[in-house]
């Protein structure tokens, strides 16, 4: 029996709590809403590190950041770490990536047979965090220009990228059905929207012309924030600089438009599946790398464990295999590797490390695990900041900052820190004991700092002399494209047509 095709679509920085299939929302995403209505939706899915590269390395490998050195956005992703692409290749899949994965280091494939585009972000070590100078704000950190310059546009760097990503992905599907239809594929399509900057063409800006764009529900004075949030305000250059309300509203409107843009790209991919008669044999998985605070609690972007930054969309659309339903238990993107292997009919290697657990029982409606572990060692930290999510509770753990404990069932806005509640000291002690058994913070901190120092040294050294870029260079053999004199014209036209006459 032929293994199912897998189309794995990712959005960058899409905050799950704002999407209409999770809560009432003005965001217009009809294609995703249809997939959600027909598929299995995970209501409590999280990233395992609220930053692009660490989250993605964890997602593709099924291992937590500290296990694979995924410390920050310039962390080297070792070539010998198995990914879902390695697993699926061994099962006979064609594996391809179109779009962003933010791989850092000289290996830019990590199991994918081919990458159809370059990456939008650099592959070098230039964005390494520096715990040796925690009070120095590097020039490449986020600032508030994304908000202050929010509004409609004609063109952006991100539009250039995503339109190539989708074009190349659709072309891959056309080529597959014409040339390799008997071999299963796993195509990963990774868009960079709705990631800031908060600007989008007028077509999408205008979709929200008559929409009441909600402002953030919760705001805190700088001095009222937890210590990590205070550091983040300084990281993004917002400390002591209140934003005009109108710019906040415009940034959120542009973000909503960018979500609609992502939805249109997904619609184009789904149409291509249908046009190529692939929709019945293809499992569609949709998720993301982290969310965006979008001004909630006075914070922007990601880099914290609050719901807006840490929760991600996750749905699996395969109506012929799984009945539509919702999953309430907490899961995370570290679970995707074993899930994709299960969906492909493969088995995991018992002697290889793995932190994720398959979501297949959840997909079948048989129940499953409820628990998420998170690790963050990047911008805004001075030591590791960890998270445990289980049942109604979220526990945020640091040995340098006061712990945070929230009951999300009764306090979804995360306003009451139960770590200071006398009635919850026993529960706090249980979480704290588990965290200290699970994580050797001094060892992780030492490894993080050592990696930062190595990468800063190497990055500086590589600026001297001749530059050898690690950025992926997609190869196109023009001699085999379109019409060429060494290819029979009638045969070429026949093979290029679908369906064939």
Protein backbone atom coordinates (compact mmCIF):
# COMPACT_ATOMS: atom_id res chain seq x y z
CA UNK A 1 0.00 0.00 0.00
CA UNK A 2 1.37 3.43 -0.96
CA UNK A 3 2.36 5.60 1.96
CA UNK A 4 0.42 8.89 2.22
CA UNK A 5 1.87 12.12 0.93
CA UNK A 6 2.49 14.77 3.60
CA UNK A 7 2.17 18.52 3.04
CA UNK A 8 3.50 20.30 6.13
CA UNK A 9 2.76 24.04 6.11
CA UNK A 10 4.32 26.44 8.60
CA UNK A 11 3.57 30.08 9.39
CA UNK A 12 6.07 32.26 11.20
CA UNK A 13 5.06 34.07 14.39
CA UNK A 14 1.33 33.28 14.10
CA UNK A 15 -0.32 33.69 17.51
CA UNK A 16 -2.78 30.84 18.00
CA UNK A 17 -5.00 32.63 20.59
CA UNK A 18 -6.03 35.18 17.93
CA UNK A 19 -7.14 32.73 15.24
CA UNK A 20 -10.90 32.31 14.71
CA UNK A 21 -10.84 28.53 15.05
CA UNK A 22 -9.49 28.96 18.58
CA UNK A 23 -11.50 31.93 19.82
CA UNK A 24 -13.81 34.66 18.49
CA UNK A 25 -11.62 36.82 16.27
CA UNK A 26 -11.90 39.34 13.43
CA UNK A 27 -9.04 37.62 11.56
CA UNK A 28 -10.23 36.26 8.20
CA UNK A 29 -8.67 32.89 7.37
CA UNK A 30 -11.33 30.87 5.51
CA UNK A 31 -8.96 28.20 4.17
CA UNK A 32 -7.49 27.45 7.57
CA UNK A 33 -10.94 27.56 9.12
CA UNK A 34 -12.14 24.94 6.64
CA UNK A 35 -9.15 22.71 7.39
CA UNK A 36 -9.88 23.12 11.10
CA UNK A 37 -13.56 22.27 10.67
CA UNK A 38 -12.69 19.10 8.75
CA UNK A 39 -9.59 18.09 10.69
CA UNK A 40 -8.13 17.46 14.12
CA UNK A 41 -7.39 20.71 15.95
CA UNK A 42 -5.05 20.88 18.95
CA UNK A 43 -6.42 23.55 21.28
CA UNK A 44 -3.35 23.70 23.51
CA UNK A 45 -0.28 23.36 21.29
CA UNK A 46 3.01 25.07 22.11
CA UNK A 47 6.43 25.68 20.71
CA UNK A 48 9.33 24.40 22.82
CA UNK A 49 11.33 27.61 22.58
CA UNK A 50 9.72 30.97 21.73
CA UNK A 51 12.22 32.03 19.08
CA UNK A 52 12.63 31.09 15.40
CA UNK A 53 15.74 28.93 15.14
CA UNK A 54 15.59 27.08 18.49
CA UNK A 55 11.92 26.28 17.93
CA UNK A 56 12.50 25.01 14.40
CA UNK A 57 15.51 22.88 15.31
CA UNK A 58 13.41 21.27 18.03
CA UNK A 59 10.46 20.82 15.68
CA UNK A 60 12.43 19.02 12.97
CA UNK A 61 14.48 16.89 15.40
CA UNK A 62 12.00 15.99 18.15
CA UNK A 63 14.62 16.95 20.75
CA UNK A 64 14.59 19.80 23.26
CA UNK A 65 16.91 22.78 22.65
CA UNK A 66 19.45 21.98 25.38
CA UNK A 67 19.92 18.47 23.93
CA UNK A 68 20.95 19.75 20.48
CA UNK A 69 22.59 23.09 21.29
CA UNK A 70 19.65 25.16 19.98
CA UNK A 71 20.43 28.11 22.20
CA UNK A 72 19.50 31.12 20.05
CA UNK A 73 19.02 32.38 16.49
CA UNK A 74 22.66 31.78 15.62
CA UNK A 75 23.00 28.32 17.11
CA UNK A 76 24.75 25.69 15.02
CA UNK A 77 22.39 22.82 14.20
CA UNK A 78 24.61 19.70 14.10
CA UNK A 79 24.44 17.69 10.89
CA UNK A 80 24.31 14.39 12.80
CA UNK A 81 21.03 15.21 14.56
CA UNK A 82 18.30 13.08 12.94
CA UNK A 83 15.27 14.97 11.62
CA UNK A 84 11.88 13.88 10.33
CA UNK A 85 13.30 14.38 6.82
CA UNK A 86 15.97 11.74 7.51
CA UNK A 87 13.35 9.34 8.81
CA UNK A 88 11.00 9.83 5.86
CA UNK A 89 13.79 9.48 3.31
CA UNK A 90 14.58 6.06 4.79
CA UNK A 91 10.91 5.19 4.25
CA UNK A 92 11.16 6.03 0.56
CA UNK A 93 9.80 9.59 0.64
CA UNK A 94 10.91 12.48 -1.51
CA UNK A 95 11.62 15.20 1.03
CA UNK A 96 11.69 18.87 0.06
CA UNK A 97 11.67 22.21 1.84
CA UNK A 98 10.37 25.41 0.30
CA UNK A 99 10.95 28.42 2.51
CA UNK A 100 12.31 29.31 5.90
CA UNK A 101 13.83 26.95 8.45
CA UNK A 102 16.63 29.19 9.77
CA UNK A 103 19.27 26.47 9.77
CA UNK A 104 22.56 27.89 11.05
CA UNK A 105 25.85 26.30 10.05
CA UNK A 106 27.24 24.69 6.91
CA UNK A 107 24.61 21.92 6.64
CA UNK A 108 21.60 23.59 5.04
CA UNK A 109 19.67 20.42 4.17
CA UNK A 110 19.39 18.32 7.36
CA UNK A 111 17.76 15.42 5.59
CA UNK A 112 15.75 17.28 2.98
CA UNK A 113 16.58 15.92 -0.45
CA UNK A 114 16.30 19.41 -1.84
CA UNK A 115 15.53 22.96 -0.81
CA UNK A 116 13.56 24.84 -3.41
CA UNK A 117 14.49 28.32 -2.14
CA UNK A 118 17.19 29.93 -0.09
CA UNK A 119 16.38 31.02 3.45
CA UNK A 120 15.24 34.50 4.36
CA UNK A 121 17.54 34.61 7.40
CA UNK A 122 21.34 34.32 7.54
CA UNK A 123 22.96 30.94 8.14
CA UNK A 124 26.01 32.28 9.99
CA UNK A 125 26.72 32.94 13.67
CA UNK A 126 26.19 36.70 13.53
CA UNK A 127 23.12 36.73 15.79
CA UNK A 128 24.67 34.93 18.76
CA UNK A 129 23.48 36.11 22.19
CA UNK A 130 26.16 37.41 24.57
CA UNK A 131 25.75 36.59 28.26
CA UNK A 132 29.18 38.11 28.90
CA UNK A 133 27.63 41.55 28.26
CA UNK A 134 23.99 41.24 29.26
CA UNK A 135 23.50 45.01 29.56
CA UNK A 136 24.64 45.71 26.00
CA UNK A 137 21.88 45.83 23.38
CA UNK A 138 23.24 44.56 20.03
CA UNK A 139 22.21 46.56 16.96
CA UNK A 140 20.60 43.53 15.29
CA UNK A 141 18.01 43.02 18.04
CA UNK A 142 14.35 43.83 17.32
CA UNK A 143 13.34 47.42 17.91
CA UNK A 144 9.98 49.14 17.61
CA UNK A 145 10.33 50.33 14.01
CA UNK A 146 7.97 47.53 12.97
CA UNK A 147 5.21 49.13 15.03
CA UNK A 148 6.07 52.77 14.41
CA UNK A 149 6.21 52.18 10.62
CA UNK A 150 3.16 49.91 10.48
CA UNK A 151 0.71 50.29 7.62
CA UNK A 152 0.04 49.28 4.00
CA UNK A 153 2.82 48.77 1.47
CA UNK A 154 3.38 47.77 -2.15
CA UNK A 155 6.28 45.39 -1.64
CA UNK A 156 8.52 44.02 1.10
CA UNK A 157 11.41 41.63 1.49
CA UNK A 158 9.03 39.12 3.05
CA UNK A 159 6.56 39.31 0.16
CA UNK A 160 9.41 38.63 -2.27
CA UNK A 161 10.34 35.59 -0.22
CA UNK A 162 6.93 34.06 0.42
CA UNK A 163 5.75 34.41 -3.14
CA UNK A 164 8.82 32.52 -4.32
CA UNK A 165 8.21 29.93 -1.60
CA UNK A 166 4.65 29.26 -2.73
CA UNK A 167 5.46 29.38 -6.44
CA UNK A 168 8.26 26.85 -6.02
CA UNK A 169 6.10 24.64 -3.79
CA UNK A 170 3.27 24.55 -6.30
CA UNK A 171 5.73 23.83 -9.10
CA UNK A 172 7.09 20.95 -7.01
CA UNK A 173 3.61 19.47 -6.79
CA UNK A 174 3.07 19.85 -10.52
CA UNK A 175 6.43 18.19 -11.21
CA UNK A 176 5.68 15.43 -8.74
CA UNK A 177 2.41 14.41 -10.31
CA UNK A 178 3.96 14.46 -13.78
CA UNK A 179 7.24 12.72 -13.00
CA UNK A 180 7.15 10.93 -9.62
CA UNK A 181 3.52 10.17 -8.85
CA UNK A 182 4.28 6.65 -7.60
CA UNK A 183 6.68 7.87 -4.90
CA UNK A 184 5.29 9.52 -1.75
CA UNK A 185 6.46 13.02 -0.92
CA UNK A 186 6.85 15.09 2.21
CA UNK A 187 6.85 18.72 1.16
CA UNK A 188 7.44 21.33 3.86
CA UNK A 189 6.27 24.83 2.93
CA UNK A 190 7.44 27.41 5.45
CA UNK A 191 6.20 30.98 5.09
CA UNK A 192 7.74 33.96 6.85
CA UNK A 193 4.43 35.86 7.28
CA UNK A 194 2.80 37.05 9.53
CA UNK A 195 6.18 37.78 11.17
CA UNK A 196 6.87 41.50 11.56
CA UNK A 197 7.46 44.05 10.04
CA UNK A 198 3.80 44.89 10.38
CA UNK A 199 3.09 45.91 6.80
CA UNK A 200 1.07 44.27 4.07
CA UNK A 201 -0.26 45.25 0.62
CA UNK A 202 -3.42 47.34 0.38
CA UNK A 203 -5.44 44.31 -0.75
CA UNK A 204 -4.99 42.77 2.69
CA UNK A 205 -4.94 46.03 4.64
CA UNK A 206 -8.30 46.93 3.09
CA UNK A 207 -9.89 43.63 4.14
CA UNK A 208 -9.95 45.11 7.63
CA UNK A 209 -11.19 48.59 6.64
CA UNK A 210 -14.49 48.27 8.50
CA UNK A 211 -13.21 45.97 11.23
CA UNK A 212 -12.88 47.14 14.81
CA UNK A 213 -9.25 46.22 15.47
CA UNK A 214 -9.07 45.26 19.15
CA UNK A 215 -6.35 46.79 21.26
CA UNK A 216 -4.35 44.71 23.76
CA UNK A 217 -6.50 43.64 26.69
CA UNK A 218 -3.79 43.75 29.34
CA UNK A 219 -1.11 46.36 29.87
CA UNK A 220 1.41 46.75 32.64
CA UNK A 221 3.67 49.59 33.63
CA UNK A 222 7.32 48.81 33.03
CA UNK A 223 8.04 48.58 36.75
CA UNK A 224 5.15 46.12 37.26
CA UNK A 225 6.51 43.57 34.79
CA UNK A 226 8.28 40.37 35.79
CA UNK A 227 12.10 40.57 35.48
CA UNK A 228 12.29 38.73 32.16
CA UNK A 229 9.61 40.98 30.63
CA UNK A 230 11.55 44.02 31.86
CA UNK A 231 14.66 42.76 30.12
CA UNK A 232 12.67 42.15 26.93
CA UNK A 233 11.39 45.72 26.99
CA UNK A 234 15.01 46.84 26.95
CA UNK A 235 15.94 44.29 24.29
CA UNK A 236 13.28 45.64 21.91
CA UNK A 237 14.07 49.24 22.89
CA UNK A 238 10.64 49.91 24.37
CA UNK A 239 11.59 50.56 27.98
CA UNK A 240 10.19 53.93 29.04
CA UNK A 241 8.88 54.65 25.52
CA UNK A 242 5.09 54.30 25.39
CA UNK A 243 3.68 53.63 21.94
CA UNK A 244 0.92 55.72 20.37
CA UNK A 245 -2.36 53.85 20.53
CA UNK A 246 -2.99 54.41 16.84
CA UNK A 247 0.32 52.76 15.90
CA UNK A 248 -0.56 49.75 18.06
CA UNK A 249 -3.88 49.46 16.25
CA UNK A 250 -2.22 49.81 12.84
CA UNK A 251 0.40 47.18 13.66
CA UNK A 252 -2.31 44.74 14.70
CA UNK A 253 -4.36 45.52 11.58
CA UNK A 254 -1.35 44.81 9.37
CA UNK A 255 -0.71 41.59 11.30
CA UNK A 256 -4.33 40.52 10.75
CA UNK A 257 -3.85 41.25 7.05
CA UNK A 258 -0.68 39.17 7.03
CA UNK A 259 -2.62 36.25 8.52
CA UNK A 260 -5.09 36.59 5.66
CA UNK A 261 -2.17 36.65 3.24
CA UNK A 262 -0.90 33.37 4.70
CA UNK A 263 -4.38 31.93 4.35
CA UNK A 264 -4.51 32.87 0.66
CA UNK A 265 -1.17 31.14 0.09
CA UNK A 266 -2.52 28.04 1.81
CA UNK A 267 -5.58 28.24 -0.43
CA UNK A 268 -3.33 28.27 -3.50
CA UNK A 269 -1.47 25.19 -2.24
CA UNK A 270 -4.71 23.35 -1.50
CA UNK A 271 -6.04 24.20 -4.97
CA UNK A 272 -2.88 22.76 -6.49
CA UNK A 273 -3.37 19.53 -4.52
CA UNK A 274 -6.90 19.30 -5.89
CA UNK A 275 -5.92 20.19 -9.46
CA UNK A 276 -3.25 17.49 -9.37
CA UNK A 277 -5.66 14.90 -7.91
CA UNK A 278 -3.49 14.65 -4.80
CA UNK A 279 -5.94 15.81 -2.12
CA UNK A 280 -7.21 12.33 -1.22
CA UNK A 281 -3.72 10.89 -0.73
CA UNK A 282 -2.16 13.86 1.08
CA UNK A 283 -2.20 14.56 4.81
CA UNK A 284 -2.03 18.31 5.46
CA UNK A 285 -0.37 19.43 8.69
CA UNK A 286 -0.34 23.11 9.70
CA UNK A 287 1.62 24.66 12.55
CA UNK A 288 4.10 27.41 13.41
CA UNK A 289 7.28 28.19 15.30
CA UNK A 290 5.92 30.60 17.96
CA UNK A 291 3.44 33.42 18.39
CA UNK A 292 3.56 37.20 18.81
CA UNK A 293 2.65 39.23 21.90
CA UNK A 294 1.28 42.05 19.68
CA UNK A 295 1.24 44.53 22.54
CA UNK A 296 -0.43 42.24 25.09
CA UNK A 297 1.02 42.95 28.56
CA UNK A 298 2.94 45.77 26.86
CA UNK A 299 5.19 43.24 25.08
CA UNK A 300 5.86 42.61 21.38
CA UNK A 301 7.26 39.80 19.30
CA UNK A 302 8.03 36.58 21.23
CA UNK A 303 10.82 35.49 23.63
CA UNK A 304 8.57 34.77 26.65
CA UNK A 305 6.37 31.89 27.79
CA UNK A 306 3.11 33.83 27.89
CA UNK A 307 0.29 32.35 25.77
CA UNK A 308 0.46 34.85 22.92
CA UNK A 309 4.15 34.11 22.34
CA UNK A 310 4.30 30.40 23.14
CA UNK A 311 1.07 28.92 21.80
CA UNK A 312 1.05 27.84 18.17
CA UNK A 313 -1.65 26.65 15.78
CA UNK A 314 -1.63 22.91 15.15
CA UNK A 315 -4.06 20.97 13.01
CA UNK A 316 -3.98 17.77 10.97
CA UNK A 317 -6.31 17.49 7.99
CA UNK A 318 -6.90 13.94 6.76
CA UNK A 319 -10.69 13.42 6.69
CA UNK A 320 -10.34 9.96 5.19
CA UNK A 321 -8.18 8.85 8.12
CA UNK A 322 -9.27 10.85 11.17
CA UNK A 323 -12.66 12.19 12.16
CA UNK A 324 -12.85 15.90 12.85
CA UNK A 325 -12.48 16.68 16.55
CA UNK A 326 -10.67 18.89 19.05
CA UNK A 327 -7.83 17.87 21.36
CA UNK A 328 -7.74 19.67 24.71
CA UNK A 329 -4.52 18.19 26.12
CA UNK A 330 -1.31 20.20 25.91
CA UNK A 331 1.12 19.06 23.23
CA UNK A 332 4.01 20.72 21.39
CA UNK A 333 5.88 20.83 18.13
CA UNK A 334 8.59 18.54 19.53
CA UNK A 335 5.92 15.86 19.03
CA UNK A 336 5.82 16.30 15.26
CA UNK A 337 8.75 14.05 14.33
CA UNK A 338 7.32 10.87 15.88
CA UNK A 339 3.87 11.86 14.59
CA UNK A 340 5.04 12.24 10.99
CA UNK A 341 6.90 8.92 11.19
CA UNK A 342 3.72 7.26 12.47
CA UNK A 343 1.63 8.87 9.74
CA UNK A 344 4.10 7.56 7.17
CA UNK A 345 3.82 4.02 8.58
CA UNK A 346 7.38 3.93 9.88
CA UNK A 347 8.95 3.10 13.22
CA UNK A 348 11.31 5.10 15.41
CA UNK A 349 14.88 4.05 16.08
CA UNK A 350 14.96 2.94 19.70
CA UNK A 351 18.63 3.74 20.17
CA UNK A 352 18.31 7.37 19.03
CA UNK A 353 17.38 10.16 21.50
CA UNK A 354 13.90 11.63 21.25
CA UNK A 355 11.89 13.95 23.51
CA UNK A 356 8.71 14.13 21.46
CA UNK A 357 5.77 11.74 21.68
CA UNK A 358 3.52 10.76 18.81
CA UNK A 359 0.19 12.52 18.46
CA UNK A 360 -1.34 9.54 16.66
CA UNK A 361 -3.47 8.47 19.68
CA UNK A 362 -4.85 12.01 19.81
CA UNK A 363 -5.57 11.94 16.08
CA UNK A 364 -7.48 8.69 16.46
CA UNK A 365 -9.52 10.10 19.34
CA UNK A 366 -8.00 7.64 21.79
CA UNK A 367 -6.58 10.18 24.22
CA UNK A 368 -2.88 10.74 24.67
CA UNK A 369 -0.24 12.60 26.60
CA UNK A 370 -0.80 15.98 28.24
CA UNK A 371 2.38 17.90 28.89
CA UNK A 372 4.85 20.32 27.36
CA UNK A 373 8.44 21.15 28.26
CA UNK A 374 10.00 24.38 27.12
CA UNK A 375 13.52 25.80 27.20
CA UNK A 376 14.69 29.32 26.37
CA UNK A 377 18.28 30.60 26.51
CA UNK A 378 18.21 33.47 24.00
CA UNK A 379 17.43 37.20 23.82
CA UNK A 380 16.51 38.77 27.13
CA UNK A 381 17.84 35.95 29.29
CA UNK A 382 20.78 35.96 31.64
CA UNK A 383 20.28 32.28 32.47
CA UNK A 384 17.97 29.49 31.23
CA UNK A 385 14.23 30.16 31.42
CA UNK A 386 12.24 26.92 31.42
CA UNK A 387 8.54 26.04 31.24
CA UNK A 388 6.28 23.12 32.19
CA UNK A 389 2.69 23.06 30.92
CA UNK A 390 0.42 20.33 32.26
CA UNK A 391 -3.26 20.11 33.10
CA UNK A 392 -4.55 23.63 33.81
CA UNK A 393 -1.15 24.91 34.93
CA UNK A 394 1.83 26.63 33.40
CA UNK A 395 5.02 26.88 35.45
CA UNK A 396 7.84 29.21 34.33
CA UNK A 397 11.10 28.41 36.05
CA UNK A 398 14.35 30.29 36.47
CA UNK A 399 17.02 30.09 39.13
CA UNK A 400 17.67 33.84 38.77
CA UNK A 401 14.13 35.24 38.44
CA UNK A 402 11.09 34.59 40.64
CA UNK A 403 9.04 31.66 39.36
CA UNK A 404 5.69 32.19 37.65
CA UNK A 405 2.72 29.84 38.05
CA UNK A 406 -0.61 30.31 36.27
CA UNK A 407 -3.89 28.42 36.30
CA UNK A 408 -4.92 28.89 32.68
CA UNK A 409 -8.32 27.27 33.17
CA UNK A 410 -9.37 30.04 35.57
CA UNK A 411 -6.92 32.75 34.53
CA UNK A 412 -6.41 32.59 30.74
CA UNK A 413 -4.94 36.11 30.69
CA UNK A 414 -2.17 35.04 33.10
CA UNK A 415 -2.82 37.88 35.51
CA UNK A 416 -2.45 36.09 38.85
CA UNK A 417 0.95 34.61 39.68
CA UNK A 418 0.08 31.72 41.98
CA UNK A 419 3.74 31.30 42.92
CA UNK A 420 3.14 34.01 45.50
CA UNK A 421 -0.18 32.56 46.70
CA UNK A 422 -0.06 30.90 50.15
CA UNK A 423 -2.70 28.42 48.98
CA UNK A 424 -0.51 27.14 46.15
CA UNK A 425 2.86 26.66 47.84
CA UNK A 426 2.53 22.86 47.82
CA UNK A 427 1.80 22.86 44.08
CA UNK A 428 4.68 25.27 43.49
CA UNK A 429 7.02 22.96 45.41
CA UNK A 430 6.00 19.99 43.25
CA UNK A 431 6.72 21.90 40.04
CA UNK A 432 9.96 23.31 41.41
CA UNK A 433 11.19 19.89 42.49
CA UNK A 434 10.34 18.43 39.08
CA UNK A 435 12.11 21.26 37.28
CA UNK A 436 15.28 20.90 39.35
CA UNK A 437 15.35 17.16 38.77
CA UNK A 438 14.69 17.59 35.05
CA UNK A 439 17.11 20.45 34.34
CA UNK A 440 20.69 20.83 35.56
CA UNK A 441 20.63 24.60 35.21
CA UNK A 442 24.33 25.26 35.98
CA UNK A 443 25.40 22.71 33.35
CA UNK A 444 22.98 24.07 30.72
CA UNK A 445 24.04 27.64 31.49
CA UNK A 446 27.73 26.71 31.19
CA UNK A 447 27.13 24.96 27.86
CA UNK A 448 25.13 27.94 26.57
CA UNK A 449 27.82 30.42 27.53
CA UNK A 450 30.59 28.27 26.05
CA UNK A 451 28.67 27.98 22.77
CA UNK A 452 28.11 31.74 22.65
CA UNK A 453 31.82 32.41 23.12
CA UNK A 454 32.88 29.91 20.45
CA UNK A 455 30.42 31.25 17.92
CA UNK A 456 31.29 34.90 18.54
CA UNK A 457 34.96 34.09 18.00
CA UNK A 458 34.33 32.09 14.83
CA UNK A 459 31.89 34.68 13.46
CA UNK A 460 34.47 37.43 13.93
CA UNK A 461 37.24 35.34 12.36
CA UNK A 462 35.12 34.60 9.29
CA UNK A 463 34.70 38.31 8.60
CA UNK A 464 38.40 38.41 7.73
CA UNK A 465 39.64 37.24 4.36
CA UNK A 466 37.45 35.69 1.69
CA UNK A 467 33.79 35.14 2.61
CA UNK A 468 32.44 31.61 2.14
CA UNK A 469 28.69 31.85 2.59
CA UNK A 470 26.73 29.05 4.24
CA UNK A 471 23.46 30.40 2.86
CA UNK A 472 21.67 27.80 0.74
CA UNK A 473 22.07 28.31 -3.01
CA UNK A 474 19.23 26.58 -4.90
CA UNK A 475 20.50 25.04 -8.12
CA UNK A 476 18.53 25.31 -11.35
CA UNK A 477 19.69 23.39 -14.42
CA UNK A 478 18.41 25.62 -17.20
CA UNK A 479 19.58 23.10 -19.81
CA UNK A 480 16.73 20.80 -18.75
CA UNK A 481 13.98 23.44 -18.58
CA UNK A 482 11.27 24.25 -21.08
CA UNK A 483 12.20 23.64 -24.77
CA UNK A 484 15.72 22.50 -25.64
CA UNK A 485 17.05 21.02 -28.88
CA UNK A 486 18.26 17.80 -27.29
CA UNK A 487 14.71 16.99 -26.09
CA UNK A 488 12.05 15.78 -28.51
CA UNK A 489 9.44 18.54 -28.71
CA UNK A 490 6.36 16.33 -28.93
CA UNK A 491 7.56 14.14 -26.08
CA UNK A 492 8.37 17.16 -23.94
CA UNK A 493 4.96 18.73 -24.51
CA UNK A 494 3.19 15.46 -23.75
CA UNK A 495 5.08 14.84 -20.51
CA UNK A 496 4.66 18.44 -19.35
CA UNK A 497 0.91 18.34 -19.75
CA UNK A 498 -1.31 17.22 -16.87
CA UNK A 499 -3.46 15.26 -17.18
CA UNK A 500 -1.68 13.73 -20.15
CA UNK A 501 -3.69 13.48 -23.37
